N, C-alpha and C. Protein backbone atom coordinates (compact mmCIF):
# COMPACT_ATOMS: atom_id res chain seq x y z
N LYS A 1 -11.09 97.16 225.18
CA LYS A 1 -9.75 96.58 225.12
C LYS A 1 -9.37 95.87 226.00
N LYS A 2 -9.69 95.95 227.41
CA LYS A 2 -9.59 95.21 228.64
C LYS A 2 -9.95 93.71 228.38
N VAL A 3 -11.10 93.55 227.72
CA VAL A 3 -11.74 92.68 227.73
C VAL A 3 -10.94 91.72 226.64
N ALA A 4 -10.09 92.48 225.40
CA ALA A 4 -9.21 91.29 224.48
C ALA A 4 -8.52 90.70 225.15
N ILE A 5 -7.50 91.38 226.00
CA ILE A 5 -6.32 91.28 226.94
C ILE A 5 -6.75 89.80 227.53
N ASP A 6 -7.96 90.52 228.76
CA ASP A 6 -8.00 89.28 229.66
C ASP A 6 -8.60 87.96 228.98
N ARG A 7 -9.25 87.82 227.91
CA ARG A 7 -9.33 86.51 227.39
C ARG A 7 -8.28 85.91 226.46
N THR A 8 -7.30 86.66 226.31
CA THR A 8 -5.96 85.90 225.57
C THR A 8 -5.18 85.23 227.15
N TYR A 9 -5.30 85.60 228.48
CA TYR A 9 -4.24 85.05 229.22
C TYR A 9 -4.84 83.70 229.47
N PRO A 10 -5.92 83.27 229.46
CA PRO A 10 -5.97 81.61 229.89
C PRO A 10 -5.35 80.85 228.81
N MET A 11 -5.11 81.37 227.18
CA MET A 11 -4.92 80.51 226.22
C MET A 11 -3.42 80.54 225.96
N THR A 12 -2.72 81.72 226.74
CA THR A 12 -1.33 81.68 226.64
C THR A 12 -0.34 80.91 227.62
N GLY A 13 -1.01 81.02 228.73
CA GLY A 13 -0.61 80.56 230.05
C GLY A 13 -0.68 79.30 230.78
N LEU A 14 -1.77 78.82 230.41
CA LEU A 14 -2.50 77.43 230.31
C LEU A 14 -2.53 76.56 229.37
N ALA A 15 -1.76 76.82 228.45
CA ALA A 15 -1.82 76.27 227.28
C ALA A 15 -1.00 74.67 227.19
N PRO A 16 -1.62 73.98 226.50
CA PRO A 16 -1.03 72.60 226.49
C PRO A 16 0.38 72.47 225.97
N ARG A 17 0.88 71.19 225.80
CA ARG A 17 2.09 71.35 225.38
C ARG A 17 2.23 71.38 224.15
N ASP A 18 1.11 70.91 223.41
CA ASP A 18 1.24 71.40 222.12
C ASP A 18 1.12 72.68 221.51
N PRO A 19 2.09 73.12 220.99
CA PRO A 19 2.18 74.55 220.47
C PRO A 19 1.48 75.20 219.35
N ILE A 20 0.74 73.99 218.74
CA ILE A 20 -0.57 74.61 217.93
C ILE A 20 -1.63 74.65 218.12
N THR A 21 -1.92 74.38 219.33
CA THR A 21 -3.42 74.54 219.72
C THR A 21 -3.31 75.92 220.55
N PRO A 22 -2.55 76.69 221.24
CA PRO A 22 -2.51 78.08 221.85
C PRO A 22 -2.81 79.07 220.45
N ASP A 23 -2.41 78.79 219.06
CA ASP A 23 -2.16 79.54 218.09
C ASP A 23 -3.82 79.47 217.52
N LYS A 24 -3.93 78.40 217.72
CA LYS A 24 -5.31 78.28 217.04
C LYS A 24 -6.47 78.47 217.80
N ARG A 25 -6.33 78.22 218.82
CA ARG A 25 -7.25 79.13 219.94
C ARG A 25 -7.33 80.85 219.97
N LEU A 26 -5.93 81.20 219.77
CA LEU A 26 -5.86 82.65 219.58
C LEU A 26 -6.37 83.11 218.41
N SER A 27 -6.27 82.32 217.54
CA SER A 27 -7.01 82.51 215.88
C SER A 27 -8.53 82.46 216.33
N GLU A 28 -8.97 81.61 216.46
CA GLU A 28 -10.59 81.64 217.00
C GLU A 28 -11.00 82.63 217.96
N LEU A 29 -10.43 82.99 218.97
CA LEU A 29 -10.92 84.47 219.58
C LEU A 29 -10.86 85.32 218.74
N SER A 30 -9.57 85.74 218.34
CA SER A 30 -9.52 86.81 217.33
C SER A 30 -10.81 86.67 216.12
N ASP A 31 -11.07 86.08 215.86
CA ASP A 31 -12.36 85.60 214.88
C ASP A 31 -13.57 86.40 215.41
N LEU A 32 -13.58 85.60 216.37
CA LEU A 32 -14.79 85.79 217.76
C LEU A 32 -15.00 87.52 217.94
N LEU A 33 -14.01 88.07 218.58
CA LEU A 33 -13.65 89.33 218.78
C LEU A 33 -14.08 90.39 217.61
N LEU A 34 -13.34 90.06 216.42
CA LEU A 34 -13.66 90.66 214.99
C LEU A 34 -15.03 90.62 214.59
N SER A 35 -16.02 89.49 214.84
CA SER A 35 -17.13 89.30 214.70
C SER A 35 -18.04 90.23 215.72
N ARG A 36 -17.70 90.44 216.58
CA ARG A 36 -18.27 91.45 217.75
C ARG A 36 -18.12 92.77 217.48
N ASN A 37 -17.37 93.10 216.39
CA ASN A 37 -16.68 94.59 215.81
C ASN A 37 -15.66 95.20 217.15
N TYR A 38 -14.92 94.14 217.48
CA TYR A 38 -13.80 94.83 218.12
C TYR A 38 -12.73 95.51 217.18
N ASN A 39 -12.15 96.50 217.40
CA ASN A 39 -10.92 97.02 216.66
C ASN A 39 -10.12 96.13 216.34
N VAL A 40 -9.62 96.28 215.12
CA VAL A 40 -8.61 94.96 214.52
C VAL A 40 -7.31 95.37 215.43
N LYS A 41 -6.81 96.50 215.35
CA LYS A 41 -5.72 96.84 216.10
C LYS A 41 -5.53 96.28 217.62
N ILE A 42 -6.96 96.54 218.32
CA ILE A 42 -6.87 96.41 219.72
C ILE A 42 -6.69 95.00 219.80
N VAL A 43 -7.34 93.98 218.97
CA VAL A 43 -7.61 92.69 219.09
C VAL A 43 -5.89 91.96 218.98
N GLN A 44 -5.18 92.62 217.89
CA GLN A 44 -4.07 92.08 217.70
C GLN A 44 -3.09 92.56 218.86
N ASN A 45 -2.87 93.57 219.32
CA ASN A 45 -2.15 94.25 220.17
C ASN A 45 -2.56 93.55 221.60
N ALA A 46 -3.54 92.95 221.62
CA ALA A 46 -4.00 92.47 223.09
C ALA A 46 -3.33 91.07 222.86
N ILE A 47 -3.36 90.34 221.64
CA ILE A 47 -2.75 88.83 221.61
C ILE A 47 -1.46 88.83 221.59
N ALA A 48 -0.95 89.95 221.04
CA ALA A 48 0.62 90.07 220.81
C ALA A 48 1.21 90.12 222.38
N ARG A 49 0.45 91.14 223.34
CA ARG A 49 0.84 91.20 224.38
C ARG A 49 0.83 89.81 225.30
N ALA A 50 -0.47 89.08 225.09
CA ALA A 50 -0.43 87.48 225.80
C ALA A 50 0.45 86.76 225.62
N LYS A 51 1.05 87.08 224.23
CA LYS A 51 1.80 85.92 223.91
C LYS A 51 3.35 86.01 224.41
N ASN A 52 3.39 87.33 224.81
CA ASN A 52 4.87 87.59 225.35
C ASN A 52 4.84 87.44 227.10
N ILE A 53 3.57 87.04 227.78
CA ILE A 53 3.43 86.45 229.10
C ILE A 53 3.81 85.22 229.56
N SER A 54 5.09 84.90 230.17
CA SER A 54 5.22 83.51 230.76
C SER A 54 4.36 82.71 231.09
N ARG A 55 4.37 81.43 230.99
CA ARG A 55 3.48 80.58 231.62
C ARG A 55 3.23 80.71 233.41
N THR A 56 4.50 80.92 233.91
CA THR A 56 4.58 81.45 235.13
C THR A 56 3.66 82.64 235.74
N ASP A 57 3.79 83.47 234.90
CA ASP A 57 3.36 85.20 235.60
C ASP A 57 1.66 84.80 235.11
N ALA A 58 1.54 84.19 234.19
CA ALA A 58 0.08 83.72 233.66
C ALA A 58 -0.88 82.95 234.90
N LEU A 59 -0.11 82.27 235.36
CA LEU A 59 -0.56 81.50 236.78
C LEU A 59 -0.82 81.84 237.87
N LYS A 60 -0.18 82.98 238.24
CA LYS A 60 -0.08 83.56 239.46
C LYS A 60 -1.33 84.30 240.02
N LYS A 61 -1.54 83.91 241.63
CA LYS A 61 -2.95 84.14 242.12
C LYS A 61 -2.75 85.75 242.13
N VAL A 62 -3.88 86.34 241.20
CA VAL A 62 -3.65 87.77 241.90
C VAL A 62 -4.73 88.38 243.01
N GLU A 63 -4.40 88.86 243.58
CA GLU A 63 -5.29 89.16 244.98
C GLU A 63 -6.11 90.80 244.57
N PRO A 64 -7.26 90.79 244.88
CA PRO A 64 -7.90 92.17 244.74
C PRO A 64 -7.34 92.96 245.23
N LYS A 65 -7.25 94.23 244.90
CA LYS A 65 -7.05 95.70 245.71
C LYS A 65 -8.25 95.81 246.48
N LYS A 66 -7.62 95.81 248.19
CA LYS A 66 -8.71 96.26 249.10
C LYS A 66 -8.85 97.81 249.13
N HIS A 67 -10.01 98.35 249.35
CA HIS A 67 -10.35 99.72 249.43
C HIS A 67 -11.67 99.92 250.40
N ASP A 68 -11.35 101.15 251.12
CA ASP A 68 -12.02 101.52 251.90
C ASP A 68 -13.80 102.07 251.67
N ARG A 69 -13.75 102.08 250.34
CA ARG A 69 -15.18 102.67 249.50
C ARG A 69 -16.65 102.00 249.96
N VAL A 70 -17.22 102.33 250.03
CA VAL A 70 -18.97 101.96 250.39
C VAL A 70 -19.11 101.95 248.95
N VAL A 71 -19.76 100.76 248.45
CA VAL A 71 -20.62 100.61 247.35
C VAL A 71 -21.67 101.28 247.48
N PHE A 72 -22.16 101.79 246.19
CA PHE A 72 -23.38 102.80 246.25
C PHE A 72 -24.24 101.78 245.19
N ALA A 73 -25.10 100.42 245.70
CA ALA A 73 -25.79 100.22 245.00
C ALA A 73 -27.30 100.51 244.88
N LEU A 74 -28.07 100.44 243.74
CA LEU A 74 -29.19 100.70 243.46
C LEU A 74 -30.08 99.54 242.97
N GLU A 75 -31.37 99.39 243.27
CA GLU A 75 -32.07 98.43 242.53
C GLU A 75 -32.39 99.13 241.24
N TYR A 76 -32.31 98.43 239.98
CA TYR A 76 -32.79 99.34 238.79
C TYR A 76 -34.51 99.00 238.77
N HIS A 77 -34.87 100.14 238.26
CA HIS A 77 -36.48 99.89 237.79
C HIS A 77 -36.97 100.85 236.61
N PRO A 78 -37.14 100.62 235.60
CA PRO A 78 -37.47 101.74 234.72
C PRO A 78 -38.38 102.88 234.68
N ALA A 79 -39.23 102.69 236.03
CA ALA A 79 -40.09 104.07 235.93
C ALA A 79 -38.99 104.93 237.08
N LEU A 80 -37.93 104.57 237.53
CA LEU A 80 -37.20 105.48 238.49
C LEU A 80 -36.35 106.60 237.49
N PRO A 81 -35.61 107.78 237.96
CA PRO A 81 -35.29 108.43 237.10
C PRO A 81 -33.63 107.94 236.97
N ASN A 82 -33.07 108.48 236.05
CA ASN A 82 -31.68 108.24 235.79
C ASN A 82 -30.45 108.77 236.98
N VAL A 83 -30.23 107.59 237.69
CA VAL A 83 -29.34 108.05 238.99
C VAL A 83 -28.33 108.51 238.56
N SER A 84 -27.65 107.79 237.67
CA SER A 84 -26.12 108.49 237.27
C SER A 84 -26.30 109.90 236.70
N LYS A 85 -27.07 110.10 235.82
CA LYS A 85 -27.12 111.55 235.57
C LYS A 85 -27.55 112.44 236.84
N ASN A 86 -28.27 112.16 237.52
CA ASN A 86 -28.60 113.29 239.01
C ASN A 86 -27.32 113.18 239.48
N PHE A 87 -26.71 112.08 240.03
CA PHE A 87 -25.31 111.35 240.84
C PHE A 87 -24.43 112.72 240.11
N ASN A 88 -24.10 112.22 238.64
CA ASN A 88 -23.03 113.15 238.44
C ASN A 88 -23.26 114.62 238.25
N ARG A 89 -24.27 115.32 238.31
CA ARG A 89 -24.84 116.62 238.33
C ARG A 89 -24.66 117.22 239.67
N SER A 90 -25.09 116.11 240.56
CA SER A 90 -24.75 116.66 242.04
C SER A 90 -23.22 116.55 242.39
N TRP A 91 -22.45 115.90 242.05
CA TRP A 91 -20.92 115.56 242.44
C TRP A 91 -20.20 116.47 242.68
N LEU A 92 -20.22 117.61 241.74
CA LEU A 92 -19.76 118.76 242.04
C LEU A 92 -19.94 119.46 243.34
N LYS A 93 -21.17 119.87 243.27
CA LYS A 93 -21.62 120.44 244.63
C LYS A 93 -21.35 119.46 245.80
N MET A 94 -21.33 118.30 245.91
CA MET A 94 -21.08 117.54 246.93
C MET A 94 -19.41 117.79 247.28
N THR A 95 -18.73 117.59 246.19
CA THR A 95 -17.18 117.96 246.72
C THR A 95 -16.66 119.03 246.88
N GLU A 96 -17.53 120.11 246.64
CA GLU A 96 -17.31 121.51 246.92
C GLU A 96 -17.50 122.00 248.13
N ASP A 97 -18.58 121.46 248.63
CA ASP A 97 -19.41 121.98 250.04
C ASP A 97 -18.44 121.39 250.95
N PRO A 98 -18.02 122.34 252.06
CA PRO A 98 -16.95 122.18 253.41
C PRO A 98 -17.45 120.84 253.94
N TYR A 99 -18.86 121.01 254.17
CA TYR A 99 -18.87 119.63 255.25
C TYR A 99 -19.01 118.50 254.28
N LEU A 100 -19.75 118.21 253.40
CA LEU A 100 -19.48 117.05 252.60
C LEU A 100 -18.04 116.41 251.88
N SER A 101 -17.49 117.70 251.82
CA SER A 101 -16.01 117.34 250.89
C SER A 101 -15.55 116.23 252.24
N THR A 102 -15.46 116.59 253.49
CA THR A 102 -14.77 115.64 254.68
C THR A 102 -15.40 114.08 254.33
N PHE A 103 -16.40 113.81 253.88
CA PHE A 103 -16.90 112.50 253.51
C PHE A 103 -16.15 112.12 252.24
N PHE A 104 -16.14 112.76 251.09
CA PHE A 104 -15.65 112.47 249.91
C PHE A 104 -14.18 112.91 249.76
N HIS A 105 -13.34 113.06 250.53
CA HIS A 105 -12.21 113.42 250.33
C HIS A 105 -11.26 112.44 249.41
N ASN A 106 -11.17 111.17 250.04
CA ASN A 106 -10.43 110.42 249.01
C ASN A 106 -10.77 110.05 247.59
N LEU A 107 -12.23 110.62 246.99
CA LEU A 107 -12.28 110.50 245.88
C LEU A 107 -12.10 111.48 244.69
N GLN A 108 -11.57 112.72 245.30
CA GLN A 108 -11.53 113.82 244.39
C GLN A 108 -10.37 113.47 243.64
């Protein structure tokens, strides 16, 4: 759903003066997303939302939100066990433990 709306912003906000071109490009995008088995209603709603965004709003620079979390990045290797499965299984224990909960207090 988010991908569909994100793809429509440049076509409505940065559209040239010719009013036919944005509609043509949105139609092409719609066809592309539908060919990739996106839900028809989601694509139509995303295009409708994007058409309601003004050019000035579409051109605003958005600063990413800052957070103080540490990124847990691992290198993938097919021989290693499923890390997310093990992590999710242990998450409840990590948050319930009094000592460990001090480290994970903002993630609960």
